């Protein structure tokens, strides 16, 4: 039997289509993970009382094109707010007691969605795979999907970084979100840049509006709809160390990884609930997988 060589032209060139192309494309889509099988979220009545009782503990400001770290105890909230103008932020989260357990954007994307909002949980890396934080309020939830397919608060893009920038332009730029997060974590934990960089990871792009083009499937960004006063709020499911970078792209409507865009600070507010609401608090639990990987002897 002779097997015909496939037509493997470039993306821009038309390709040969088999006779059953339409049938193949018509295969039904299947959601990869049935999320109703995940551990149940916290009780809605408790969450309502928790939110109503929140009071500020401390506030920090993240300057433009820089990053800052912050600590949040389990059961507390942290709120990221636009304060002066449209601005995107790149968020990293770690287990405060173990930097190896960190936010896992890829699995969060699979278990929740490509863009996050109220009720979605931010999951940690393997082997723990547990909620690090739950989004409890989002002033941009109204945005939904726009005509381009853009949505807000993405976990599909990575942070801007100096390695990609050098590949594309041949220049060094040290205010990318990746570098900002490296410096912030190094300062927080007394690490060398090399040591800190190993723990910096793919981010939640807070306030960023992104999607994929319908014709080429390429990642796009557009001006964020965030305005001063807008905020997104999280419940810390365990003791957290966070780091937030105020992206050099500003609202990411035209550029990033440069000093060209108008940039603004972001505010991070830590809030605590009434202590009696935490009397029976339990941290989120790790996956129960044995870890043998078929190699038990």
C-alpha atoms as a PDB file:
ATOM      1  CA  UNK A   1       0.000   0.000   0.000  1.00  0.00           C
ATOM      2  CA  UNK A   2       1.345   3.412  -0.958  1.00  0.00           C
ATOM      3  CA  UNK A   3       0.845   6.236   1.484  1.00  0.00           C
ATOM      4  CA  UNK A   4       0.619   9.641  -0.105  1.00  0.00           C
ATOM      5  CA  UNK A   5       2.919  12.334   1.232  1.00  0.00           C
ATOM      6  CA  UNK A   6       0.885  14.968   3.111  1.00  0.00           C
ATOM      7  CA  UNK A   7       0.767  18.558   1.957  1.00  0.00           C
ATOM      8  CA  UNK A   8       2.708  20.382   4.673  1.00  0.00           C
ATOM      9  CA  UNK A   9       2.801  23.911   3.283  1.00  0.00           C
ATOM     10  CA  UNK A  10       3.372  26.954   5.446  1.00  0.00           C
ATOM     11  CA  UNK A  11       0.642  28.340   7.687  1.00  0.00           C
ATOM     12  CA  UNK A  12      -0.228  30.942   5.048  1.00  0.00           C
ATOM     13  CA  UNK A  13      -0.546  28.440   2.200  1.00  0.00           C
ATOM     14  CA  UNK A  14      -3.707  26.434   1.496  1.00  0.00           C
ATOM     15  CA  UNK A  15      -3.355  22.741   2.293  1.00  0.00           C
ATOM     16  CA  UNK A  16      -4.820  19.701   0.603  1.00  0.00           C
ATOM     17  CA  UNK A  17      -7.988  18.576   2.366  1.00  0.00           C
ATOM     18  CA  UNK A  18      -9.033  14.916   2.488  1.00  0.00           C
ATOM     19  CA  UNK A  19     -12.494  13.943   1.286  1.00  0.00           C
ATOM     20  CA  UNK A  20     -13.706  13.444   4.875  1.00  0.00           C
ATOM     21  CA  UNK A  21     -12.334  16.772   6.191  1.00  0.00           C
ATOM     22  CA  UNK A  22     -15.769  18.061   7.196  1.00  0.00           C
ATOM     23  CA  UNK A  23     -16.555  14.836   9.051  1.00  0.00           C
ATOM     24  CA  UNK A  24     -13.273  15.014  10.962  1.00  0.00           C
ATOM     25  CA  UNK A  25     -13.904  18.617  11.954  1.00  0.00           C
ATOM     26  CA  UNK A  26     -17.413  17.759  13.131  1.00  0.00           C
ATOM     27  CA  UNK A  27     -16.177  15.507  15.931  1.00  0.00           C
ATOM     28  CA  UNK A  28     -17.825  16.694  19.162  1.00  0.00           C
ATOM     29  CA  UNK A  29     -15.810  18.707  21.680  1.00  0.00           C
ATOM     30  CA  UNK A  30     -15.380  17.126  25.090  1.00  0.00           C
ATOM     31  CA  UNK A  31     -14.542  19.017  28.267  1.00  0.00           C
ATOM     32  CA  UNK A  32     -11.270  17.493  29.481  1.00  0.00           C
ATOM     33  CA  UNK A  33     -11.983  17.594  33.206  1.00  0.00           C
ATOM     34  CA  UNK A  34     -15.345  17.232  34.939  1.00  0.00           C
ATOM     35  CA  UNK A  35     -14.866  19.914  37.562  1.00  0.00           C
ATOM     36  CA  UNK A  36     -17.887  18.843  39.593  1.00  0.00           C
ATOM     37  CA  UNK A  37     -15.654  16.010  40.795  1.00  0.00           C
ATOM     38  CA  UNK A  38     -13.164  18.427  42.353  1.00  0.00           C
ATOM     39  CA  UNK A  39     -13.202  19.090  46.099  1.00  0.00           C
ATOM     40  CA  UNK A  40     -16.184  21.295  46.855  1.00  0.00           C
ATOM     41  CA  UNK A  41     -15.578  25.030  47.259  1.00  0.00           C
ATOM     42  CA  UNK A  42     -16.066  26.569  50.672  1.00  0.00           C
ATOM     43  CA  UNK A  43     -19.633  26.984  51.929  1.00  0.00           C
ATOM     44  CA  UNK A  44     -21.329  29.960  50.185  1.00  0.00           C
ATOM     45  CA  UNK A  45     -22.967  31.172  53.401  1.00  0.00           C
ATOM     46  CA  UNK A  46     -19.595  31.146  55.168  1.00  0.00           C
ATOM     47  CA  UNK A  47     -18.028  32.971  52.206  1.00  0.00           C
ATOM     48  CA  UNK A  48     -20.691  35.690  52.369  1.00  0.00           C
ATOM     49  CA  UNK A  49     -20.086  36.229  56.102  1.00  0.00           C
ATOM     50  CA  UNK A  50     -16.318  36.113  55.524  1.00  0.00           C
ATOM     51  CA  UNK A  51     -16.483  38.835  52.852  1.00  0.00           C
ATOM     52  CA  UNK A  52     -18.785  41.034  54.902  1.00  0.00           C
ATOM     53  CA  UNK A  53     -16.396  40.943  57.861  1.00  0.00           C
ATOM     54  CA  UNK A  54     -13.164  41.780  55.984  1.00  0.00           C
ATOM     55  CA  UNK A  55     -11.155  44.710  57.292  1.00  0.00           C
ATOM     56  CA  UNK A  56      -7.819  46.108  56.004  1.00  0.00           C
ATOM     57  CA  UNK A  57      -4.610  44.923  57.648  1.00  0.00           C
ATOM     58  CA  UNK A  58      -1.963  46.524  55.446  1.00  0.00           C
ATOM     59  CA  UNK A  59      -1.527  47.987  51.999  1.00  0.00           C
ATOM     60  CA  UNK A  60       1.408  48.152  49.629  1.00  0.00           C
ATOM     61  CA  UNK A  61       1.927  49.900  46.320  1.00  0.00           C
ATOM     62  CA  UNK A  62       3.715  48.280  43.381  1.00  0.00           C
ATOM     63  CA  UNK A  63       5.520  50.989  41.392  1.00  0.00           C
ATOM     64  CA  UNK A  64       5.374  50.979  37.569  1.00  0.00           C
ATOM     65  CA  UNK A  65       7.783  48.521  35.904  1.00  0.00           C
ATOM     66  CA  UNK A  66       8.656  46.983  39.271  1.00  0.00           C
ATOM     67  CA  UNK A  67       7.417  44.135  41.472  1.00  0.00           C
ATOM     68  CA  UNK A  68       6.763  43.729  45.182  1.00  0.00           C
ATOM     69  CA  UNK A  69       6.151  40.721  47.411  1.00  0.00           C
ATOM     70  CA  UNK A  70       3.423  40.320  50.026  1.00  0.00           C
ATOM     71  CA  UNK A  71       2.352  37.784  52.652  1.00  0.00           C
ATOM     72  CA  UNK A  72      -1.194  36.548  53.184  1.00  0.00           C
ATOM     73  CA  UNK A  73      -2.186  34.202  56.004  1.00  0.00           C
ATOM     74  CA  UNK A  74      -4.579  31.341  55.295  1.00  0.00           C
ATOM     75  CA  UNK A  75      -8.124  32.635  55.592  1.00  0.00           C
ATOM     76  CA  UNK A  76      -7.174  36.232  54.842  1.00  0.00           C
ATOM     77  CA  UNK A  77      -7.914  38.070  51.603  1.00  0.00           C
ATOM     78  CA  UNK A  78      -5.748  40.020  49.211  1.00  0.00           C
ATOM     79  CA  UNK A  79      -7.145  42.557  46.805  1.00  0.00           C
ATOM     80  CA  UNK A  80      -5.347  43.935  43.739  1.00  0.00           C
ATOM     81  CA  UNK A  81      -6.609  47.365  42.730  1.00  0.00           C
ATOM     82  CA  UNK A  82      -6.057  49.841  39.908  1.00  0.00           C
ATOM     83  CA  UNK A  83      -5.339  53.186  41.548  1.00  0.00           C
ATOM     84  CA  UNK A  84      -4.155  55.769  39.002  1.00  0.00           C
ATOM     85  CA  UNK A  85      -4.720  54.478  35.479  1.00  0.00           C
ATOM     86  CA  UNK A  86      -5.181  51.348  33.337  1.00  0.00           C
ATOM     87  CA  UNK A  87      -2.484  48.864  34.322  1.00  0.00           C
ATOM     88  CA  UNK A  88      -1.890  45.128  33.967  1.00  0.00           C
ATOM     89  CA  UNK A  89      -0.223  43.063  36.711  1.00  0.00           C
ATOM     90  CA  UNK A  90       1.636  39.736  36.591  1.00  0.00           C
ATOM     91  CA  UNK A  91       0.935  37.608  39.672  1.00  0.00           C
ATOM     92  CA  UNK A  92       3.037  34.804  41.159  1.00  0.00           C
ATOM     93  CA  UNK A  93       1.939  32.788  44.212  1.00  0.00           C
ATOM     94  CA  UNK A  94       3.872  30.349  46.377  1.00  0.00           C
ATOM     95  CA  UNK A  95       3.264  28.262  49.475  1.00  0.00           C
ATOM     96  CA  UNK A  96       4.850  30.587  52.042  1.00  0.00           C
ATOM     97  CA  UNK A  97       6.608  27.617  53.658  1.00  0.00           C
ATOM     98  CA  UNK A  98       7.780  25.885  50.476  1.00  0.00           C
ATOM     99  CA  UNK A  99       8.648  27.789  47.297  1.00  0.00           C
ATOM    100  CA  UNK A 100       8.557  24.541  45.323  1.00  0.00           C
ATOM    101  CA  UNK A 101       4.768  24.559  45.636  1.00  0.00           C
ATOM    102  CA  UNK A 102       3.632  27.381  43.403  1.00  0.00           C
ATOM    103  CA  UNK A 103       0.855  28.543  41.131  1.00  0.00           C
ATOM    104  CA  UNK A 104       0.308  26.183  38.179  1.00  0.00           C
ATOM    105  CA  UNK A 105      -1.227  28.237  35.379  1.00  0.00           C
ATOM    106  CA  UNK A 106      -1.511  25.323  32.935  1.00  0.00           C
ATOM    107  CA  UNK A 107      -3.555  23.120  35.247  1.00  0.00           C
ATOM    108  CA  UNK A 108      -5.596  26.105  36.426  1.00  0.00           C
ATOM    109  CA  UNK A 109      -6.394  26.762  32.768  1.00  0.00           C
ATOM    110  CA  UNK A 110      -7.568  23.152  32.336  1.00  0.00           C
ATOM    111  CA  UNK A 111      -9.540  22.922  35.571  1.00  0.00           C
ATOM    112  CA  UNK A 112     -11.070  26.411  35.465  1.00  0.00           C
ATOM    113  CA  UNK A 113     -10.825  28.413  32.232  1.00  0.00           C
ATOM    114  CA  UNK A 114      -8.464  30.373  30.001  1.00  0.00           C
ATOM    115  CA  UNK A 115      -9.494  33.565  31.818  1.00  0.00           C
ATOM    116  CA  UNK A 116     -10.495  33.670  35.467  1.00  0.00           C
ATOM    117  CA  UNK A 117     -13.162  35.423  37.496  1.00  0.00           C
ATOM    118  CA  UNK A 118     -15.248  35.097  40.654  1.00  0.00           C
ATOM    119  CA  UNK A 119     -15.434  31.538  41.970  1.00  0.00           C
ATOM    120  CA  UNK A 120     -12.409  30.245  40.077  1.00  0.00           C
ATOM    121  CA  UNK A 121      -9.566  28.704  42.027  1.00  0.00           C
ATOM    122  CA  UNK A 122      -5.826  29.068  41.408  1.00  0.00           C
ATOM    123  CA  UNK A 123      -4.259  25.601  41.639  1.00  0.00           C
ATOM    124  CA  UNK A 124      -0.779  24.682  42.805  1.00  0.00           C
ATOM    125  CA  UNK A 125       1.938  22.654  41.120  1.00  0.00           C
ATOM    126  CA  UNK A 126       2.327  18.884  41.301  1.00  0.00           C
ATOM    127  CA  UNK A 127       2.419  16.880  43.490  1.00  0.00           C
ATOM    128  CA  UNK A 128       0.180  18.949  45.792  1.00  0.00           C
ATOM    129  CA  UNK A 129      -2.310  20.173  43.166  1.00  0.00           C
ATOM    130  CA  UNK A 130      -4.568  22.044  45.548  1.00  0.00           C
ATOM    131  CA  UNK A 131      -6.198  25.487  45.576  1.00  0.00           C
ATOM    132  CA  UNK A 132      -3.792  28.227  46.619  1.00  0.00           C
ATOM    133  CA  UNK A 133      -6.434  30.940  46.316  1.00  0.00           C
ATOM    134  CA  UNK A 134     -10.050  31.439  45.302  1.00  0.00           C
ATOM    135  CA  UNK A 135     -11.297  34.545  43.490  1.00  0.00           C
ATOM    136  CA  UNK A 136     -14.025  36.043  45.652  1.00  0.00           C
ATOM    137  CA  UNK A 137     -14.811  39.282  43.786  1.00  0.00           C
ATOM    138  CA  UNK A 138     -14.011  40.798  40.384  1.00  0.00           C
ATOM    139  CA  UNK A 139     -15.168  44.239  39.288  1.00  0.00           C
ATOM    140  CA  UNK A 140     -14.426  43.348  35.647  1.00  0.00           C
ATOM    141  CA  UNK A 141     -16.666  40.271  35.592  1.00  0.00           C
ATOM    142  CA  UNK A 142     -19.070  42.256  33.390  1.00  0.00           C
ATOM    143  CA  UNK A 143     -16.590  42.257  30.488  1.00  0.00           C
ATOM    144  CA  UNK A 144     -17.178  38.674  29.351  1.00  0.00           C
ATOM    145  CA  UNK A 145     -15.957  38.084  25.788  1.00  0.00           C
ATOM    146  CA  UNK A 146     -15.620  40.938  23.286  1.00  0.00           C
ATOM    147  CA  UNK A 147     -15.997  40.856  19.488  1.00  0.00           C
ATOM    148  CA  UNK A 148     -12.380  39.728  19.060  1.00  0.00           C
ATOM    149  CA  UNK A 149     -12.769  36.920  21.576  1.00  0.00           C
ATOM    150  CA  UNK A 150     -10.786  38.871  24.152  1.00  0.00           C
ATOM    151  CA  UNK A 151     -11.372  38.212  27.846  1.00  0.00           C
ATOM    152  CA  UNK A 152      -9.823  39.533  31.061  1.00  0.00           C
ATOM    153  CA  UNK A 153      -7.493  37.976  33.707  1.00  0.00           C
ATOM    154  CA  UNK A 154      -5.703  35.460  31.526  1.00  0.00           C
ATOM    155  CA  UNK A 155      -3.794  32.305  32.414  1.00  0.00           C
ATOM    156  CA  UNK A 156      -2.842  31.501  28.820  1.00  0.00           C
ATOM    157  CA  UNK A 157       0.025  33.939  28.322  1.00  0.00           C
ATOM    158  CA  UNK A 158       3.293  33.876  30.224  1.00  0.00           C
ATOM    159  CA  UNK A 159       5.008  36.880  31.785  1.00  0.00           C
ATOM    160  CA  UNK A 160       7.028  39.118  29.472  1.00  0.00           C
ATOM    161  CA  UNK A 161      10.688  38.152  29.808  1.00  0.00           C
ATOM    162  CA  UNK A 162      14.127  39.420  28.724  1.00  0.00           C
ATOM    163  CA  UNK A 163      15.061  36.212  26.892  1.00  0.00           C
ATOM    164  CA  UNK A 164      12.220  36.483  24.391  1.00  0.00           C
ATOM    165  CA  UNK A 165      12.813  40.222  24.074  1.00  0.00           C
ATOM    166  CA  UNK A 166      16.476  39.613  23.210  1.00  0.00           C
ATOM    167  CA  UNK A 167      15.502  36.965  20.659  1.00  0.00           C
ATOM    168  CA  UNK A 168      13.127  39.379  18.968  1.00  0.00           C
ATOM    169  CA  UNK A 169      15.066  42.642  19.193  1.00  0.00           C
ATOM    170  CA  UNK A 170      18.654  41.818  20.144  1.00  0.00           C
ATOM    171  CA  UNK A 171      18.517  44.156  23.132  1.00  0.00           C
ATOM    172  CA  UNK A 172      18.607  43.671  26.873  1.00  0.00           C
ATOM    173  CA  UNK A 173      15.622  44.956  28.835  1.00  0.00           C
ATOM    174  CA  UNK A 174      15.631  44.422  32.595  1.00  0.00           C
ATOM    175  CA  UNK A 175      12.149  45.688  33.492  1.00  0.00           C
ATOM    176  CA  UNK A 176      10.198  42.784  32.003  1.00  0.00           C
ATOM    177  CA  UNK A 177       7.796  41.159  34.456  1.00  0.00           C
ATOM    178  CA  UNK A 178      10.012  38.076  34.688  1.00  0.00           C
ATOM    179  CA  UNK A 179      12.991  40.151  35.811  1.00  0.00           C
ATOM    180  CA  UNK A 180      10.831  42.265  38.114  1.00  0.00           C
ATOM    181  CA  UNK A 181       9.572  39.107  39.831  1.00  0.00           C
ATOM    182  CA  UNK A 182      13.119  37.695  40.078  1.00  0.00           C
ATOM    183  CA  UNK A 183      14.359  40.844  41.826  1.00  0.00           C
ATOM    184  CA  UNK A 184      11.371  40.956  44.185  1.00  0.00           C
ATOM    185  CA  UNK A 185      11.720  37.320  45.243  1.00  0.00           C
ATOM    186  CA  UNK A 186      15.504  37.616  45.581  1.00  0.00           C
ATOM    187  CA  UNK A 187      15.070  40.617  47.896  1.00  0.00           C
ATOM    188  CA  UNK A 188      12.323  38.888  49.888  1.00  0.00           C
ATOM    189  CA  UNK A 189      14.208  35.649  50.527  1.00  0.00           C
ATOM    190  CA  UNK A 190      17.846  36.762  50.310  1.00  0.00           C
ATOM    191  CA  UNK A 191      18.441  34.676  47.174  1.00  0.00           C
ATOM    192  CA  UNK A 192      20.825  35.172  44.276  1.00  0.00           C
ATOM    193  CA  UNK A 193      19.212  36.022  40.921  1.00  0.00           C
ATOM    194  CA  UNK A 194      19.873  32.441  39.752  1.00  0.00           C
ATOM    195  CA  UNK A 195      18.243  30.961  42.838  1.00  0.00           C
ATOM    196  CA  UNK A 196      15.228  33.253  42.665  1.00  0.00           C
ATOM    197  CA  UNK A 197      14.705  32.726  38.943  1.00  0.00           C
ATOM    198  CA  UNK A 198      14.146  28.994  39.453  1.00  0.00           C
ATOM    199  CA  UNK A 199      11.028  29.802  41.466  1.00  0.00           C
ATOM    200  CA  UNK A 200       9.512  32.451  39.205  1.00  0.00           C
ATOM    201  CA  UNK A 201       6.752  30.865  37.165  1.00  0.00           C
ATOM    202  CA  UNK A 202       3.984  31.460  34.638  1.00  0.00           C
ATOM    203  CA  UNK A 203       1.605  34.060  35.924  1.00  0.00           C
ATOM    204  CA  UNK A 204      -1.987  35.071  36.219  1.00  0.00           C
ATOM    205  CA  UNK A 205      -2.161  38.177  34.035  1.00  0.00           C
ATOM    206  CA  UNK A 206      -4.364  40.316  36.258  1.00  0.00           C
ATOM    207  CA  UNK A 207      -6.524  42.846  34.357  1.00  0.00           C
ATOM    208  CA  UNK A 208      -4.939  41.815  31.026  1.00  0.00           C
ATOM    209  CA  UNK A 209      -7.291  41.414  28.038  1.00  0.00           C
ATOM    210  CA  UNK A 210      -6.158  38.666  25.664  1.00  0.00           C
ATOM    211  CA  UNK A 211      -7.258  35.901  23.324  1.00  0.00           C
ATOM    212  CA  UNK A 212      -6.308  34.029  20.162  1.00  0.00           C
ATOM    213  CA  UNK A 213      -6.887  35.321  16.647  1.00  0.00           C
ATOM    214  CA  UNK A 214      -9.501  33.284  14.829  1.00  0.00           C
ATOM    215  CA  UNK A 215      -7.588  33.038  11.535  1.00  0.00           C
ATOM    216  CA  UNK A 216      -4.047  32.226  12.696  1.00  0.00           C
ATOM    217  CA  UNK A 217      -4.605  31.165  16.311  1.00  0.00           C
ATOM    218  CA  UNK A 218      -1.991  33.649  17.527  1.00  0.00           C
ATOM    219  CA  UNK A 219      -2.012  35.108  21.015  1.00  0.00           C
ATOM    220  CA  UNK A 220      -3.137  38.726  21.077  1.00  0.00           C
ATOM    221  CA  UNK A 221      -3.493  41.463  23.669  1.00  0.00           C
ATOM    222  CA  UNK A 222      -5.583  44.612  23.653  1.00  0.00           C
ATOM    223  CA  UNK A 223      -6.054  47.618  25.913  1.00  0.00           C
ATOM    224  CA  UNK A 224      -7.301  46.471  29.292  1.00  0.00           C
ATOM    225  CA  UNK A 225     -10.761  47.714  30.323  1.00  0.00           C
ATOM    226  CA  UNK A 226      -9.491  48.254  33.889  1.00  0.00           C
ATOM    227  CA  UNK A 227      -9.954  51.711  35.368  1.00  0.00           C
ATOM    228  CA  UNK A 228      -8.997  53.266  38.725  1.00  0.00           C
ATOM    229  CA  UNK A 229     -11.082  51.669  41.458  1.00  0.00           C
ATOM    230  CA  UNK A 230     -11.430  48.323  39.709  1.00  0.00           C
ATOM    231  CA  UNK A 231     -10.205  45.386  41.768  1.00  0.00           C
ATOM    232  CA  UNK A 232      -9.980  41.616  41.977  1.00  0.00           C
ATOM    233  CA  UNK A 233     -10.091  39.862  45.350  1.00  0.00           C
ATOM    234  CA  UNK A 234      -8.785  36.472  46.497  1.00  0.00           C
ATOM    235  CA  UNK A 235      -9.190  34.208  49.517  1.00  0.00           C
ATOM    236  CA  UNK A 236      -5.873  32.666  50.589  1.00  0.00           C
ATOM    237  CA  UNK A 237      -6.506  28.927  50.929  1.00  0.00           C
ATOM    238  CA  UNK A 238      -3.089  28.380  52.590  1.00  0.00           C
ATOM    239  CA  UNK A 239      -0.344  30.683  53.896  1.00  0.00           C
ATOM    240  CA  UNK A 240       0.867  32.477  50.778  1.00  0.00           C
ATOM    241  CA  UNK A 241       3.800  34.475  49.547  1.00  0.00           C
ATOM    242  CA  UNK A 242       2.757  36.555  46.562  1.00  0.00           C
ATOM    243  CA  UNK A 243       4.609  38.762  44.101  1.00  0.00           C
ATOM    244  CA  UNK A 244       3.025  41.236  41.711  1.00  0.00           C
ATOM    245  CA  UNK A 245       4.709  43.036  38.821  1.00  0.00           C
ATOM    246  CA  UNK A 246       3.270  46.223  37.328  1.00  0.00           C
ATOM    247  CA  UNK A 247       3.844  45.279  33.681  1.00  0.00           C
ATOM    248  CA  UNK A 248       5.992  47.615  31.546  1.00  0.00           C
ATOM    249  CA  UNK A 249       3.265  47.341  28.910  1.00  0.00           C
ATOM    250  CA  UNK A 250       0.877  49.448  31.016  1.00  0.00           C
ATOM    251  CA  UNK A 251      -2.602  48.505  29.785  1.00  0.00           C
ATOM    252  CA  UNK A 252      -0.951  46.241  27.159  1.00  0.00           C
ATOM    253  CA  UNK A 253      -2.869  47.925  24.363  1.00  0.00           C
ATOM    254  CA  UNK A 254       0.107  48.360  22.066  1.00  0.00           C
ATOM    255  CA  UNK A 255       3.451  47.197  23.465  1.00  0.00           C
ATOM    256  CA  UNK A 256       5.274  45.519  26.303  1.00  0.00           C
ATOM    257  CA  UNK A 257       8.897  44.883  27.315  1.00  0.00           C
ATOM    258  CA  UNK A 258       9.851  48.534  26.826  1.00  0.00           C
ATOM    259  CA  UNK A 259       9.585  51.966  28.388  1.00  0.00           C
ATOM    260  CA  UNK A 260       7.206  53.206  25.682  1.00  0.00           C
ATOM    261  CA  UNK A 261       3.819  52.544  27.299  1.00  0.00           C
ATOM    262  CA  UNK A 262       2.198  54.712  29.952  1.00  0.00           C
ATOM    263  CA  UNK A 263       2.467  52.761  33.215  1.00  0.00           C
ATOM    264  CA  UNK A 264       0.777  53.161  36.575  1.00  0.00           C
ATOM    265  CA  UNK A 265       1.175  51.665  40.054  1.00  0.00           C
ATOM    266  CA  UNK A 266      -1.003  48.886  41.413  1.00  0.00           C
ATOM    267  CA  UNK A 267      -2.202  48.510  44.989  1.00  0.00           C
ATOM    268  CA  UNK A 268      -2.251  45.281  46.984  1.00  0.00           C
ATOM    269  CA  UNK A 269      -4.436  45.304  50.081  1.00  0.00           C
ATOM    270  CA  UNK A 270      -4.363  42.530  52.702  1.00  0.00           C
ATOM    271  CA  UNK A 271      -7.621  42.052  54.613  1.00  0.00           C
ATOM    272  CA  UNK A 272      -8.552  39.892  57.593  1.00  0.00           C
ATOM    273  CA  UNK A 273     -11.970  38.462  58.535  1.00  0.00           C
ATOM    274  CA  UNK A 274     -13.475  38.200  61.999  1.00  0.00           C
ATOM    275  CA  UNK A 275     -11.350  35.693  63.897  1.00  0.00           C
ATOM    276  CA  UNK A 276     -14.365  33.624  64.941  1.00  0.00           C
ATOM    277  CA  UNK A 277     -14.939  32.756  61.282  1.00  0.00           C
ATOM    278  CA  UNK A 278     -11.586  30.960  61.225  1.00  0.00           C
ATOM    279  CA  UNK A 279     -12.176  28.815  64.330  1.00  0.00           C
ATOM    280  CA  UNK A 280     -12.746  25.685  62.244  1.00  0.00           C
ATOM    281  CA  UNK A 281     -10.476  26.691  59.372  1.00  0.00           C
ATOM    282  CA  UNK A 282      -8.778  23.927  57.372  1.00  0.00           C
ATOM    283  CA  UNK A 283      -6.216  24.594  54.670  1.00  0.00           C
ATOM    284  CA  UNK A 284      -6.948  23.174  51.247  1.00  0.00           C
ATOM    285  CA  UNK A 285      -5.642  19.622  50.994  1.00  0.00           C
ATOM    286  CA  UNK A 286      -3.092  18.132  48.606  1.00  0.00           C
ATOM    287  CA  UNK A 287      -3.898  15.482  46.025  1.00  0.00           C
ATOM    288  CA  UNK A 288      -4.081  12.000  47.532  1.00  0.00           C
ATOM    289  CA  UNK A 289      -2.024  10.319  44.814  1.00  0.00           C
ATOM    290  CA  UNK A 290       0.532   7.896  46.290  1.00  0.00           C
ATOM    291  CA  UNK A 291       3.409   9.148  44.147  1.00  0.00           C
ATOM    292  CA  UNK A 292       4.585   5.665  43.163  1.00  0.00           C
ATOM    293  CA  UNK A 293       4.240   6.261  39.385  1.00  0.00           C
ATOM    294  CA  UNK A 294       3.984   2.504  38.799  1.00  0.00           C
ATOM    295  CA  UNK A 295       7.431   1.930  40.309  1.00  0.00           C
ATOM    296  CA  UNK A 296       6.506   0.490  43.708  1.00  0.00           C
ATOM    297  CA  UNK A 297       8.800  -2.435  44.647  1.00  0.00           C
END
